[in-house]
Amino acid sequence: MRVTIFLILLAASQAASAAKLVGDVKSGQALFRRCASCHAVGPYASAGYGPQLTGIVGRRAASTKDYKYSEAMKKSGLTWDEKTLAAYLRAPHDVVPGTSMRFWGIQDEQQVADLLSYLKTF
């Protein structure tokens, strides 16, 4: 129980730190190359190994029609705001246990801010 409370407080602290950082779109674009093997963005984006991420900020989780989401993601009830996306990018399996995303996360807060800045351009 104490470990869970500690982890929640730590995540909230990290989210507050990330919110203070200003993201760089060009750096985020470079970082997105790592994501591009599974995800696409842009006006002609479609699902591949992962869902397309165009318009991700403000979108309900598991809501695109062209991707088969995990049951965990369907049941998550999340809406992808910046805070939730930042937490997910840091530790996807902590935010949505059972997610099918095969990614361990980004620990560098500036990189998270950069990637979010890039994604918000779509």
PDB file of N, CA and C in Angstrom:
ATOM      1  N   MET A   1       0.822  -1.184   0.000  1.00  0.00           N
ATOM      2  CA  MET A   1       0.000   0.000   0.000  1.00  0.00           C
ATOM      3  C   MET A   1       0.871   1.254   0.000  1.00  0.00           C
ATOM      4  N   ARG A   2       1.871   1.303   0.856  1.00  0.00           N
ATOM      5  CA  ARG A   2       2.751   2.463   0.918  1.00  0.00           C
ATOM      6  C   ARG A   2       3.532   2.641  -0.377  1.00  0.00           C
ATOM      7  N   VAL A   3       3.934   1.528  -0.981  1.00  0.00           N
ATOM      8  CA  VAL A   3       4.676   1.598  -2.243  1.00  0.00           C
ATOM      9  C   VAL A   3       3.785   2.212  -3.318  1.00  0.00           C
ATOM     10  N   THR A   4       2.516   1.807  -3.365  1.00  0.00           N
ATOM     11  CA  THR A   4       1.583   2.344  -4.348  1.00  0.00           C
ATOM     12  C   THR A   4       1.395   3.842  -4.150  1.00  0.00           C
ATOM     13  N   ILE A   5       1.209   4.271  -2.930  1.00  0.00           N
ATOM     14  CA  ILE A   5       1.046   5.705  -2.643  1.00  0.00           C
ATOM     15  C   ILE A   5       2.308   6.458  -3.039  1.00  0.00           C
ATOM     16  N   PHE A   6       3.460   5.900  -2.727  1.00  0.00           N
ATOM     17  CA  PHE A   6       4.718   6.540  -3.109  1.00  0.00           C
ATOM     18  C   PHE A   6       4.824   6.681  -4.620  1.00  0.00           C
ATOM     19  N   LEU A   7       4.480   5.626  -5.343  1.00  0.00           N
ATOM     20  CA  LEU A   7       4.555   5.667  -6.802  1.00  0.00           C
ATOM     21  C   LEU A   7       3.595   6.697  -7.380  1.00  0.00           C
ATOM     22  N   ILE A   8       2.417   6.831  -6.797  1.00  0.00           N
ATOM     23  CA  ILE A   8       1.456   7.830  -7.257  1.00  0.00           C
ATOM     24  C   ILE A   8       2.003   9.232  -7.018  1.00  0.00           C
ATOM     25  N   LEU A   9       2.566   9.465  -5.851  1.00  0.00           N
ATOM     26  CA  LEU A   9       3.140  10.777  -5.547  1.00  0.00           C
ATOM     27  C   LEU A   9       4.339  11.076  -6.432  1.00  0.00           C
ATOM     28  N   LEU A  10       5.162  10.077  -6.689  1.00  0.00           N
ATOM     29  CA  LEU A  10       6.314  10.255  -7.568  1.00  0.00           C
ATOM     30  C   LEU A  10       5.861  10.597  -8.979  1.00  0.00           C
ATOM     31  N   ALA A  11       4.856   9.909  -9.476  1.00  0.00           N
ATOM     32  CA  ALA A  11       4.341  10.182 -10.820  1.00  0.00           C
ATOM     33  C   ALA A  11       3.759  11.583 -10.905  1.00  0.00           C
ATOM     34  N   ALA A  12       3.054  12.010  -9.865  1.00  0.00           N
ATOM     35  CA  ALA A  12       2.495  13.365  -9.854  1.00  0.00           C
ATOM     36  C   ALA A  12       3.602  14.404  -9.852  1.00  0.00           C
ATOM     37  N   SER A  13       4.653  14.149  -9.097  1.00  0.00           N
ATOM     38  CA  SER A  13       5.795  15.063  -9.062  1.00  0.00           C
ATOM     39  C   SER A  13       6.477  15.141 -10.415  1.00  0.00           C
ATOM     40  N   GLN A  14       6.662  14.003 -11.070  1.00  0.00           N
ATOM     41  CA  GLN A  14       7.284  13.976 -12.387  1.00  0.00           C
ATOM     42  C   GLN A  14       6.412  14.682 -13.414  1.00  0.00           C
ATOM     43  N   ALA A  15       5.105  14.503 -13.315  1.00  0.00           N
ATOM     44  CA  ALA A  15       4.195  15.163 -14.250  1.00  0.00           C
ATOM     45  C   ALA A  15       4.258  16.672 -14.066  1.00  0.00           C
ATOM     46  N   ALA A  16       4.352  17.136 -12.825  1.00  0.00           N
ATOM     47  CA  ALA A  16       4.458  18.573 -12.569  1.00  0.00           C
ATOM     48  C   ALA A  16       5.758  19.115 -13.136  1.00  0.00           C
ATOM     49  N   SER A  17       6.836  18.349 -13.012  1.00  0.00           N
ATOM     50  CA  SER A  17       8.126  18.776 -13.573  1.00  0.00           C
ATOM     51  C   SER A  17       8.060  18.846 -15.080  1.00  0.00           C
ATOM     52  N   ALA A  18       7.435  17.860 -15.707  1.00  0.00           N
ATOM     53  CA  ALA A  18       7.336  17.828 -17.164  1.00  0.00           C
ATOM     54  C   ALA A  18       6.478  18.981 -17.670  1.00  0.00           C
ATOM     55  N   ALA A  19       5.446  19.354 -16.899  1.00  0.00           N
ATOM     56  CA  ALA A  19       4.562  20.431 -17.325  1.00  0.00           C
ATOM     57  C   ALA A  19       5.306  21.758 -17.401  1.00  0.00           C
ATOM     58  N   LYS A  20       6.370  21.918 -16.642  1.00  0.00           N
ATOM     59  CA  LYS A  20       7.139  23.154 -16.629  1.00  0.00           C
ATOM     60  C   LYS A  20       8.102  23.248 -17.811  1.00  0.00           C
ATOM     61  N   LEU A  21       8.397  22.131 -18.447  1.00  0.00           N
ATOM     62  CA  LEU A  21       9.343  22.126 -19.557  1.00  0.00           C
ATOM     63  C   LEU A  21       8.662  22.575 -20.842  1.00  0.00           C
ATOM     64  N   VAL A  22       9.403  23.316 -21.644  1.00  0.00           N
ATOM     65  CA  VAL A  22       8.915  23.720 -22.955  1.00  0.00           C
ATOM     66  C   VAL A  22       9.495  22.745 -23.969  1.00  0.00           C
ATOM     67  N   GLY A  23       8.624  22.120 -24.734  1.00  0.00           N
ATOM     68  CA  GLY A  23       9.065  21.140 -25.716  1.00  0.00           C
ATOM     69  C   GLY A  23       9.537  21.790 -27.001  1.00  0.00           C
ATOM     70  N   ASP A  24      10.461  21.134 -27.658  1.00  0.00           N
ATOM     71  CA  ASP A  24      10.995  21.574 -28.935  1.00  0.00           C
ATOM     72  C   ASP A  24      10.445  20.662 -30.030  1.00  0.00           C
ATOM     73  N   VAL A  25       9.706  21.246 -30.971  1.00  0.00           N
ATOM     74  CA  VAL A  25       9.050  20.463 -32.019  1.00  0.00           C
ATOM     75  C   VAL A  25      10.061  19.711 -32.878  1.00  0.00           C
ATOM     76  N   LYS A  26      11.152  20.353 -33.254  1.00  0.00           N
ATOM     77  CA  LYS A  26      12.156  19.689 -34.111  1.00  0.00           C
ATOM     78  C   LYS A  26      12.791  18.500 -33.395  1.00  0.00           C
ATOM     79  N   SER A  27      13.091  18.661 -32.129  1.00  0.00           N
ATOM     80  CA  SER A  27      13.637  17.533 -31.359  1.00  0.00           C
ATOM     81  C   SER A  27      12.595  16.423 -31.240  1.00  0.00           C
ATOM     82  N   GLY A  28      11.340  16.813 -31.046  1.00  0.00           N
ATOM     83  CA  GLY A  28      10.263  15.833 -30.970  1.00  0.00           C
ATOM     84  C   GLY A  28      10.091  15.070 -32.263  1.00  0.00           C
ATOM     85  N   GLN A  29      10.263  15.778 -33.387  1.00  0.00           N
ATOM     86  CA  GLN A  29      10.173  15.126 -34.697  1.00  0.00           C
ATOM     87  C   GLN A  29      11.265  14.077 -34.842  1.00  0.00           C
ATOM     88  N   ALA A  30      12.469  14.416 -34.401  1.00  0.00           N
ATOM     89  CA  ALA A  30      13.579  13.458 -34.457  1.00  0.00           C
ATOM     90  C   ALA A  30      13.300  12.261 -33.551  1.00  0.00           C
ATOM     91  N   LEU A  31      12.769  12.509 -32.365  1.00  0.00           N
ATOM     92  CA  LEU A  31      12.436  11.422 -31.439  1.00  0.00           C
ATOM     93  C   LEU A  31      11.337  10.517 -31.998  1.00  0.00           C
ATOM     94  N   PHE A  32      10.406  11.116 -32.728  1.00  0.00           N
ATOM     95  CA  PHE A  32       9.287  10.336 -33.252  1.00  0.00           C
ATOM     96  C   PHE A  32       9.753   9.264 -34.240  1.00  0.00           C
ATOM     97  N   ARG A  33      10.910   9.409 -34.790  1.00  0.00           N
ATOM     98  CA  ARG A  33      11.417   8.376 -35.708  1.00  0.00           C
ATOM     99  C   ARG A  33      11.445   7.009 -35.027  1.00  0.00           C
ATOM    100  N   ARG A  34      11.674   7.001 -33.714  1.00  0.00           N
ATOM    101  CA  ARG A  34      11.658   5.738 -32.957  1.00  0.00           C
ATOM    102  C   ARG A  34      10.250   5.144 -32.929  1.00  0.00           C
ATOM    103  N   CYS A  35       9.263   6.013 -32.940  1.00  0.00           N
ATOM    104  CA  CYS A  35       7.864   5.592 -32.846  1.00  0.00           C
ATOM    105  C   CYS A  35       7.298   5.192 -34.199  1.00  0.00           C
ATOM    106  N   ALA A  36       7.904   5.722 -35.271  1.00  0.00           N
ATOM    107  CA  ALA A  36       7.350   5.599 -36.613  1.00  0.00           C
ATOM    108  C   ALA A  36       7.329   4.169 -37.145  1.00  0.00           C
ATOM    109  N   SER A  37       8.051   3.252 -36.518  1.00  0.00           N
ATOM    110  CA  SER A  37       7.972   1.868 -36.978  1.00  0.00           C
ATOM    111  C   SER A  37       6.615   1.256 -36.627  1.00  0.00           C
ATOM    112  N   CYS A  38       5.906   1.851 -35.670  1.00  0.00           N
ATOM    113  CA  CYS A  38       4.593   1.344 -35.270  1.00  0.00           C
ATOM    114  C   CYS A  38       3.467   2.359 -35.473  1.00  0.00           C
ATOM    115  N   HIS A  39       3.766   3.644 -35.376  1.00  0.00           N
ATOM    116  CA  HIS A  39       2.748   4.699 -35.399  1.00  0.00           C
ATOM    117  C   HIS A  39       2.984   5.666 -36.545  1.00  0.00           C
ATOM    118  N   ALA A  40       1.897   6.274 -37.024  1.00  0.00           N
ATOM    119  CA  ALA A  40       1.968   7.287 -38.074  1.00  0.00           C
ATOM    120  C   ALA A  40       1.238   8.544 -37.603  1.00  0.00           C
ATOM    121  N   VAL A  41       1.627   9.681 -38.161  1.00  0.00           N
ATOM    122  CA  VAL A  41       0.947  10.951 -37.929  1.00  0.00           C
ATOM    123  C   VAL A  41       0.819  11.677 -39.254  1.00  0.00           C
ATOM    124  N   GLY A  42      -0.111  12.596 -39.320  1.00  0.00           N
ATOM    125  CA  GLY A  42      -0.279  13.392 -40.516  1.00  0.00           C
ATOM    126  C   GLY A  42      -1.623  13.159 -41.167  1.00  0.00           C
ATOM    127  N   PRO A  43      -1.910  13.925 -42.212  1.00  0.00           N
ATOM    128  CA  PRO A  43      -3.239  13.871 -42.832  1.00  0.00           C
ATOM    129  C   PRO A  43      -3.587  12.517 -43.455  1.00  0.00           C
ATOM    130  N   TYR A  44      -2.608  11.737 -43.826  1.00  0.00           N
ATOM    131  CA  TYR A  44      -2.871  10.427 -44.451  1.00  0.00           C
ATOM    132  C   TYR A  44      -2.488   9.258 -43.539  1.00  0.00           C
ATOM    133  N   ALA A  45      -2.327   9.545 -42.259  1.00  0.00           N
ATOM    134  CA  ALA A  45      -1.917   8.509 -41.306  1.00  0.00           C
ATOM    135  C   ALA A  45      -3.006   7.456 -41.156  1.00  0.00           C
ATOM    136  N   SER A  46      -2.564   6.230 -41.016  1.00  0.00           N
ATOM    137  CA  SER A  46      -3.477   5.131 -40.719  1.00  0.00           C
ATOM    138  C   SER A  46      -2.767   4.189 -39.758  1.00  0.00           C
ATOM    139  N   ALA A  47      -3.538   3.292 -39.194  1.00  0.00           N
ATOM    140  CA  ALA A  47      -2.978   2.343 -38.239  1.00  0.00           C
ATOM    141  C   ALA A  47      -2.001   1.412 -38.928  1.00  0.00           C
ATOM    142  N   GLY A  48      -1.006   1.010 -38.178  1.00  0.00           N
ATOM    143  CA  GLY A  48      -0.057   0.005 -38.621  1.00  0.00           C
ATOM    144  C   GLY A  48       0.047  -1.013 -37.509  1.00  0.00           C
ATOM    145  N   TYR A  49       1.256  -1.238 -37.034  1.00  0.00           N
ATOM    146  CA  TYR A  49       1.428  -2.123 -35.883  1.00  0.00           C
ATOM    147  C   TYR A  49       0.799  -1.497 -34.642  1.00  0.00           C
ATOM    148  N   GLY A  50       0.730  -0.157 -34.626  1.00  0.00           N
ATOM    149  CA  GLY A  50       0.075   0.604 -33.571  1.00  0.00           C
ATOM    150  C   GLY A  50      -0.909   1.578 -34.185  1.00  0.00           C
ATOM    151  N   PRO A  51      -1.744   2.227 -33.373  1.00  0.00           N
ATOM    152  CA  PRO A  51      -2.714   3.169 -33.918  1.00  0.00           C
ATOM    153  C   PRO A  51      -2.043   4.432 -34.449  1.00  0.00           C
ATOM    154  N   GLN A  52      -2.714   5.102 -35.388  1.00  0.00           N
ATOM    155  CA  GLN A  52      -2.207   6.386 -35.855  1.00  0.00           C
ATOM    156  C   GLN A  52      -2.409   7.410 -34.733  1.00  0.00           C
ATOM    157  N   LEU A  53      -1.545   8.406 -34.672  1.00  0.00           N
ATOM    158  CA  LEU A  53      -1.541   9.342 -33.546  1.00  0.00           C
ATOM    159  C   LEU A  53      -1.958  10.760 -33.920  1.00  0.00           C
ATOM    160  N   THR A  54      -2.467  10.970 -35.112  1.00  0.00           N
ATOM    161  CA  THR A  54      -2.946  12.290 -35.498  1.00  0.00           C
ATOM    162  C   THR A  54      -4.118  12.683 -34.599  1.00  0.00           C
ATOM    163  N   GLY A  55      -4.046  13.866 -34.012  1.00  0.00           N
ATOM    164  CA  GLY A  55      -5.112  14.343 -33.135  1.00  0.00           C
ATOM    165  C   GLY A  55      -5.182  13.620 -31.809  1.00  0.00           C
ATOM    166  N   ILE A  56      -4.084  13.047 -31.371  1.00  0.00           N
ATOM    167  CA  ILE A  56      -4.076  12.259 -30.136  1.00  0.00           C
ATOM    168  C   ILE A  56      -4.429  13.094 -28.901  1.00  0.00           C
ATOM    169  N   VAL A  57      -3.965  14.355 -28.854  1.00  0.00           N
ATOM    170  CA  VAL A  57      -4.244  15.196 -27.683  1.00  0.00           C
ATOM    171  C   VAL A  57      -5.733  15.544 -27.679  1.00  0.00           C
ATOM    172  N   GLY A  58      -6.409  15.121 -26.620  1.00  0.00           N
ATOM    173  CA  GLY A  58      -7.835  15.352 -26.475  1.00  0.00           C
ATOM    174  C   GLY A  58      -8.703  14.191 -26.936  1.00  0.00           C
ATOM    175  N   ARG A  59      -8.089  13.156 -27.497  1.00  0.00           N
ATOM    176  CA  ARG A  59      -8.833  12.004 -28.010  1.00  0.00           C
ATOM    177  C   ARG A  59      -9.013  10.955 -26.918  1.00  0.00           C
ATOM    178  N   ARG A  60     -10.150  10.275 -26.937  1.00  0.00           N
ATOM    179  CA  ARG A  60     -10.368   9.158 -26.023  1.00  0.00           C
ATOM    180  C   ARG A  60      -9.476   7.993 -26.412  1.00  0.00           C
ATOM    181  N   ALA A  61      -8.957   7.298 -25.439  1.00  0.00           N
ATOM    182  CA  ALA A  61      -8.137   6.114 -25.709  1.00  0.00           C
ATOM    183  C   ALA A  61      -8.974   5.059 -26.417  1.00  0.00           C
ATOM    184  N   ALA A  62      -8.337   4.338 -27.316  1.00  0.00           N
ATOM    185  CA  ALA A  62      -8.958   3.216 -28.045  1.00  0.00           C
ATOM    186  C   ALA A  62     -10.152   3.654 -28.881  1.00  0.00           C
ATOM    187  N   SER A  63     -10.087   4.852 -29.459  1.00  0.00           N
ATOM    188  CA  SER A  63     -11.258   5.365 -30.168  1.00  0.00           C
ATOM    189  C   SER A  63     -11.117   5.419 -31.689  1.00  0.00           C
ATOM    190  N   THR A  64      -9.943   5.139 -32.230  1.00  0.00           N
ATOM    191  CA  THR A  64      -9.856   5.131 -33.690  1.00  0.00           C
ATOM    192  C   THR A  64     -10.462   3.833 -34.214  1.00  0.00           C
ATOM    193  N   LYS A  65     -11.010   3.896 -35.398  1.00  0.00           N
ATOM    194  CA  LYS A  65     -11.734   2.742 -35.964  1.00  0.00           C
ATOM    195  C   LYS A  65     -10.836   1.776 -36.718  1.00  0.00           C
ATOM    196  N   ASP A  66      -9.611   2.212 -37.041  1.00  0.00           N
ATOM    197  CA  ASP A  66      -8.762   1.381 -37.909  1.00  0.00           C
ATOM    198  C   ASP A  66      -7.683   0.601 -37.147  1.00  0.00           C
ATOM    199  N   TYR A  67      -7.872   0.421 -35.845  1.00  0.00           N
ATOM    200  CA  TYR A  67      -6.884  -0.316 -35.071  1.00  0.00           C
ATOM    201  C   TYR A  67      -7.588  -1.214 -34.058  1.00  0.00           C
ATOM    202  N   LYS A  68      -7.050  -2.398 -33.840  1.00  0.00           N
ATOM    203  CA  LYS A  68      -7.603  -3.337 -32.861  1.00  0.00           C
ATOM    204  C   LYS A  68      -6.831  -3.160 -31.547  1.00  0.00           C
ATOM    205  N   TYR A  69      -7.440  -2.491 -30.611  1.00  0.00           N
ATOM    206  CA  TYR A  69      -6.820  -2.173 -29.324  1.00  0.00           C
ATOM    207  C   TYR A  69      -6.895  -3.345 -28.353  1.00  0.00           C
ATOM    208  N   SER A  70      -5.976  -3.361 -27.404  1.00  0.00           N
ATOM    209  CA  SER A  70      -6.010  -4.365 -26.336  1.00  0.00           C
ATOM    210  C   SER A  70      -7.242  -4.116 -25.460  1.00  0.00           C
ATOM    211  N   GLU A  71      -7.694  -5.149 -24.798  1.00  0.00           N
ATOM    212  CA  GLU A  71      -8.812  -5.002 -23.862  1.00  0.00           C
ATOM    213  C   GLU A  71      -8.463  -4.009 -22.764  1.00  0.00           C
ATOM    214  N   ALA A  72      -7.212  -4.021 -22.327  1.00  0.00           N
ATOM    215  CA  ALA A  72      -6.783  -3.098 -21.276  1.00  0.00           C
ATOM    216  C   ALA A  72      -6.951  -1.647 -21.724  1.00  0.00           C
ATOM    217  N   MET A  73      -6.578  -1.351 -22.953  1.00  0.00           N
ATOM    218  CA  MET A  73      -6.708   0.014 -23.456  1.00  0.00           C
ATOM    219  C   MET A  73      -8.174   0.380 -23.622  1.00  0.00           C
ATOM    220  N   LYS A  74      -8.980  -0.546 -24.135  1.00  0.00           N
ATOM    221  CA  LYS A  74     -10.410  -0.287 -24.307  1.00  0.00           C
ATOM    222  C   LYS A  74     -11.081   0.035 -22.977  1.00  0.00           C
ATOM    223  N   LYS A  75     -10.647  -0.637 -21.923  1.00  0.00           N
ATOM    224  CA  LYS A  75     -11.264  -0.467 -20.609  1.00  0.00           C
ATOM    225  C   LYS A  75     -10.626   0.652 -19.784  1.00  0.00           C
ATOM    226  N   SER A  76      -9.582   1.278 -20.304  1.00  0.00           N
ATOM    227  CA  SER A  76      -8.830   2.269 -19.516  1.00  0.00           C
ATOM    228  C   SER A  76      -9.638   3.511 -19.173  1.00  0.00           C
ATOM    229  N   GLY A  77     -10.555   3.907 -20.041  1.00  0.00           N
ATOM    230  CA  GLY A  77     -11.340   5.109 -19.779  1.00  0.00           C
ATOM    231  C   GLY A  77     -10.560   6.404 -19.897  1.00  0.00           C
ATOM    232  N   LEU A  78      -9.352   6.333 -20.454  1.00  0.00           N
ATOM    233  CA  LEU A  78      -8.497   7.513 -20.533  1.00  0.00           C
ATOM    234  C   LEU A  78      -8.890   8.444 -21.667  1.00  0.00           C
ATOM    235  N   THR A  79      -8.603   9.713 -21.452  1.00  0.00           N
ATOM    236  CA  THR A  79      -8.592  10.699 -22.521  1.00  0.00           C
ATOM    237  C   THR A  79      -7.167  11.217 -22.574  1.00  0.00           C
ATOM    238  N   TRP A  80      -6.601  11.278 -23.762  1.00  0.00           N
ATOM    239  CA  TRP A  80      -5.193  11.623 -23.924  1.00  0.00           C
ATOM    240  C   TRP A  80      -4.958  13.128 -23.850  1.00  0.00           C
ATOM    241  N   ASP A  81      -4.912  13.663 -22.637  1.00  0.00           N
ATOM    242  CA  ASP A  81      -4.473  15.040 -22.464  1.00  0.00           C
ATOM    243  C   ASP A  81      -2.952  15.018 -22.278  1.00  0.00           C
ATOM    244  N   GLU A  82      -2.343  16.175 -22.181  1.00  0.00           N
ATOM    245  CA  GLU A  82      -0.878  16.211 -22.095  1.00  0.00           C
ATOM    246  C   GLU A  82      -0.344  15.488 -20.862  1.00  0.00           C
ATOM    247  N   LYS A  83      -1.001  15.638 -19.746  1.00  0.00           N
ATOM    248  CA  LYS A  83      -0.545  14.999 -18.507  1.00  0.00           C
ATOM    249  C   LYS A  83      -0.597  13.468 -18.630  1.00  0.00           C
ATOM    250  N   THR A  84      -1.693  12.953 -19.171  1.00  0.00           N
ATOM    251  CA  THR A  84      -1.857  11.508 -19.322  1.00  0.00           C
ATOM    252  C   THR A  84      -0.883  10.953 -20.355  1.00  0.00           C
ATOM    253  N   LEU A  85      -0.726  11.667 -21.463  1.00  0.00           N
ATOM    254  CA  LEU A  85       0.242  11.235 -22.483  1.00  0.00           C
ATOM    255  C   LEU A  85       1.654  11.216 -21.933  1.00  0.00           C
ATOM    256  N   ALA A  86       2.011  12.244 -21.161  1.00  0.00           N
ATOM    257  CA  ALA A  86       3.358  12.298 -20.583  1.00  0.00           C
ATOM    258  C   ALA A  86       3.587  11.100 -19.667  1.00  0.00           C
ATOM    259  N   ALA A  87       2.619  10.795 -18.829  1.00  0.00           N
ATOM    260  CA  ALA A  87       2.746   9.643 -17.931  1.00  0.00           C
ATOM    261  C   ALA A  87       2.865   8.349 -18.731  1.00  0.00           C
ATOM    262  N   TYR A  88       2.070   8.221 -19.791  1.00  0.00           N
ATOM    263  CA  TYR A  88       2.094   7.021 -20.619  1.00  0.00           C
ATOM    264  C   TYR A  88       3.418   6.876 -21.355  1.00  0.00           C
ATOM    265  N   LEU A  89       3.947   7.983 -21.855  1.00  0.00           N
ATOM    266  CA  LEU A  89       5.239   7.926 -22.537  1.00  0.00           C
ATOM    267  C   LEU A  89       6.366   7.543 -21.586  1.00  0.00           C
ATOM    268  N   ARG A  90       6.244   7.926 -20.328  1.00  0.00           N
ATOM    269  CA  ARG A  90       7.263   7.561 -19.330  1.00  0.00           C
ATOM    270  C   ARG A  90       7.170   6.091 -18.951  1.00  0.00           C
ATOM    271  N   ALA A  91       5.952   5.580 -18.808  1.00  0.00           N
ATOM    272  CA  ALA A  91       5.775   4.201 -18.320  1.00  0.00           C
ATOM    273  C   ALA A  91       4.433   3.648 -18.796  1.00  0.00           C
ATOM    274  N   PRO A  92       4.355   3.223 -20.049  1.00  0.00           N
ATOM    275  CA  PRO A  92       3.074   2.767 -20.603  1.00  0.00           C
ATOM    276  C   PRO A  92       2.404   1.659 -19.796  1.00  0.00           C
ATOM    277  N   HIS A  93       3.176   0.720 -19.306  1.00  0.00           N
ATOM    278  CA  HIS A  93       2.610  -0.431 -18.619  1.00  0.00           C
ATOM    279  C   HIS A  93       2.166  -0.102 -17.201  1.00  0.00           C
ATOM    280  N   ASP A  94       2.641   1.014 -16.657  1.00  0.00           N
ATOM    281  CA  ASP A  94       2.150   1.464 -15.354  1.00  0.00           C
ATOM    282  C   ASP A  94       0.824   2.190 -15.505  1.00  0.00           C
ATOM    283  N   VAL A  95       0.668   2.946 -16.589  1.00  0.00           N
ATOM    284  CA  VAL A  95      -0.551   3.714 -16.814  1.00  0.00           C
ATOM    285  C   VAL A  95      -1.689   2.812 -17.288  1.00  0.00           C
ATOM    286  N   VAL A  96      -1.385   1.888 -18.187  1.00  0.00           N
ATOM    287  CA  VAL A  96      -2.388   0.940 -18.696  1.00  0.00           C
ATOM    288  C   VAL A  96      -1.802  -0.468 -18.587  1.00  0.00           C
ATOM    289  N   PRO A  97      -1.911  -1.076 -17.401  1.00  0.00           N
ATOM    290  CA  PRO A  97      -1.422  -2.446 -17.262  1.00  0.00           C
ATOM    291  C   PRO A  97      -2.135  -3.367 -18.256  1.00  0.00           C
ATOM    292  N   GLY A  98      -1.354  -4.142 -18.981  1.00  0.00           N
ATOM    293  CA  GLY A  98      -1.922  -5.035 -19.980  1.00  0.00           C
ATOM    294  C   GLY A  98      -1.971  -4.438 -21.374  1.00  0.00           C
ATOM    295  N   THR A  99      -1.440  -3.218 -21.526  1.00  0.00           N
ATOM    296  CA  THR A  99      -1.397  -2.618 -22.855  1.00  0.00           C
ATOM    297  C   THR A  99      -0.559  -3.487 -23.785  1.00  0.00           C
ATOM    298  N   SER A 100      -0.878  -3.451 -25.060  1.00  0.00           N
ATOM    299  CA  SER A 100      -0.100  -4.240 -26.014  1.00  0.00           C
ATOM    300  C   SER A 100       1.092  -3.458 -26.558  1.00  0.00           C
ATOM    301  N   MET A 101       1.263  -2.214 -26.122  1.00  0.00           N
ATOM    302  CA  MET A 101       2.388  -1.405 -26.598  1.00  0.00           C
ATOM    303  C   MET A 101       3.698  -2.003 -26.082  1.00  0.00           C
ATOM    304  N   ARG A 102       4.605  -2.263 -27.005  1.00  0.00           N
ATOM    305  CA  ARG A 102       5.903  -2.858 -26.671  1.00  0.00           C
ATOM    306  C   ARG A 102       6.957  -1.765 -26.603  1.00  0.00           C
ATOM    307  N   PHE A 103       6.916  -1.025 -25.516  1.00  0.00           N
ATOM    308  CA  PHE A 103       7.798   0.121 -25.331  1.00  0.00           C
ATOM    309  C   PHE A 103       7.999   0.299 -23.839  1.00  0.00           C
ATOM    310  N   TRP A 104       9.239   0.473 -23.428  1.00  0.00           N
ATOM    311  CA  TRP A 104       9.544   0.567 -21.997  1.00  0.00           C
ATOM    312  C   TRP A 104       9.380   1.954 -21.432  1.00  0.00           C
ATOM    313  N   GLY A 105       9.357   2.976 -22.281  1.00  0.00           N
ATOM    314  CA  GLY A 105       9.139   4.335 -21.798  1.00  0.00           C
ATOM    315  C   GLY A 105      10.345   5.229 -21.994  1.00  0.00           C
ATOM    316  N   ILE A 106      10.110   6.512 -21.823  1.00  0.00           N
ATOM    317  CA  ILE A 106      11.139   7.544 -21.945  1.00  0.00           C
ATOM    318  C   ILE A 106      11.321   8.172 -20.565  1.00  0.00           C
ATOM    319  N   GLN A 107      12.508   8.110 -20.029  1.00  0.00           N
ATOM    320  CA  GLN A 107      12.750   8.646 -18.697  1.00  0.00           C
ATOM    321  C   GLN A 107      13.160  10.118 -18.705  1.00  0.00           C
ATOM    322  N   ASP A 108      13.660  10.598 -19.820  1.00  0.00           N
ATOM    323  CA  ASP A 108      14.114  11.986 -19.924  1.00  0.00           C
ATOM    324  C   ASP A 108      12.904  12.911 -20.096  1.00  0.00           C
ATOM    325  N   GLU A 109      12.668  13.769 -19.104  1.00  0.00           N
ATOM    326  CA  GLU A 109      11.501  14.644 -19.111  1.00  0.00           C
ATOM    327  C   GLU A 109      11.508  15.617 -20.297  1.00  0.00           C
ATOM    328  N   GLN A 110      12.685  16.086 -20.706  1.00  0.00           N
ATOM    329  CA  GLN A 110      12.746  16.998 -21.846  1.00  0.00           C
ATOM    330  C   GLN A 110      12.343  16.282 -23.128  1.00  0.00           C
ATOM    331  N   GLN A 111      12.753  15.035 -23.273  1.00  0.00           N
ATOM    332  CA  GLN A 111      12.363  14.271 -24.447  1.00  0.00           C
ATOM    333  C   GLN A 111      10.848  14.054 -24.483  1.00  0.00           C
ATOM    334  N   VAL A 112      10.250  13.810 -23.338  1.00  0.00           N
ATOM    335  CA  VAL A 112       8.795  13.655 -23.270  1.00  0.00           C
ATOM    336  C   VAL A 112       8.124  14.953 -23.717  1.00  0.00           C
ATOM    337  N   ALA A 113       8.613  16.084 -23.206  1.00  0.00           N
ATOM    338  CA  ALA A 113       8.055  17.392 -23.582  1.00  0.00           C
ATOM    339  C   ALA A 113       8.235  17.655 -25.076  1.00  0.00           C
ATOM    340  N   ASP A 114       9.396  17.299 -25.615  1.00  0.00           N
ATOM    341  CA  ASP A 114       9.658  17.489 -27.043  1.00  0.00           C
ATOM    342  C   ASP A 114       8.708  16.650 -27.896  1.00  0.00           C
ATOM    343  N   LEU A 115       8.544  15.402 -27.521  1.00  0.00           N
ATOM    344  CA  LEU A 115       7.669  14.507 -28.279  1.00  0.00           C
ATOM    345  C   LEU A 115       6.218  14.987 -28.227  1.00  0.00           C
ATOM    346  N   LEU A 116       5.761  15.447 -27.067  1.00  0.00           N
ATOM    347  CA  LEU A 116       4.419  15.981 -26.956  1.00  0.00           C
ATOM    348  C   LEU A 116       4.234  17.220 -27.816  1.00  0.00           C
ATOM    349  N   SER A 117       5.249  18.083 -27.841  1.00  0.00           N
ATOM    350  CA  SER A 117       5.173  19.276 -28.686  1.00  0.00           C
ATOM    351  C   SER A 117       5.015  18.895 -30.151  1.00  0.00           C
ATOM    352  N   TYR A 118       5.741  17.894 -30.580  1.00  0.00           N
ATOM    353  CA  TYR A 118       5.636  17.432 -31.961  1.00  0.00           C
ATOM    354  C   TYR A 118       4.237  16.848 -32.234  1.00  0.00           C
ATOM    355  N   LEU A 119       3.749  15.986 -31.360  1.00  0.00           N
ATOM    356  CA  LEU A 119       2.458  15.363 -31.570  1.00  0.00           C
ATOM    357  C   LEU A 119       1.323  16.386 -31.613  1.00  0.00           C
ATOM    358  N   LYS A 120       1.471  17.468 -30.872  1.00  0.00           N
ATOM    359  CA  LYS A 120       0.429  18.499 -30.854  1.00  0.00           C
ATOM    360  C   LYS A 120       0.343  19.258 -32.168  1.00  0.00           C
ATOM    361  N   THR A 121       1.316  19.102 -33.053  1.00  0.00           N
ATOM    362  CA  THR A 121       1.256  19.790 -34.337  1.00  0.00           C
ATOM    363  C   THR A 121       0.341  19.071 -35.329  1.00  0.00           C
ATOM    364  N   PHE A 122      -0.171  17.907 -34.966  1.00  0.00           N
ATOM    365  CA  PHE A 122      -1.027  17.132 -35.864  1.00  0.00           C
ATOM    366  C   PHE A 122      -2.450  17.092 -35.368  1.00  0.00           C
TER     367      PHE A 122
END
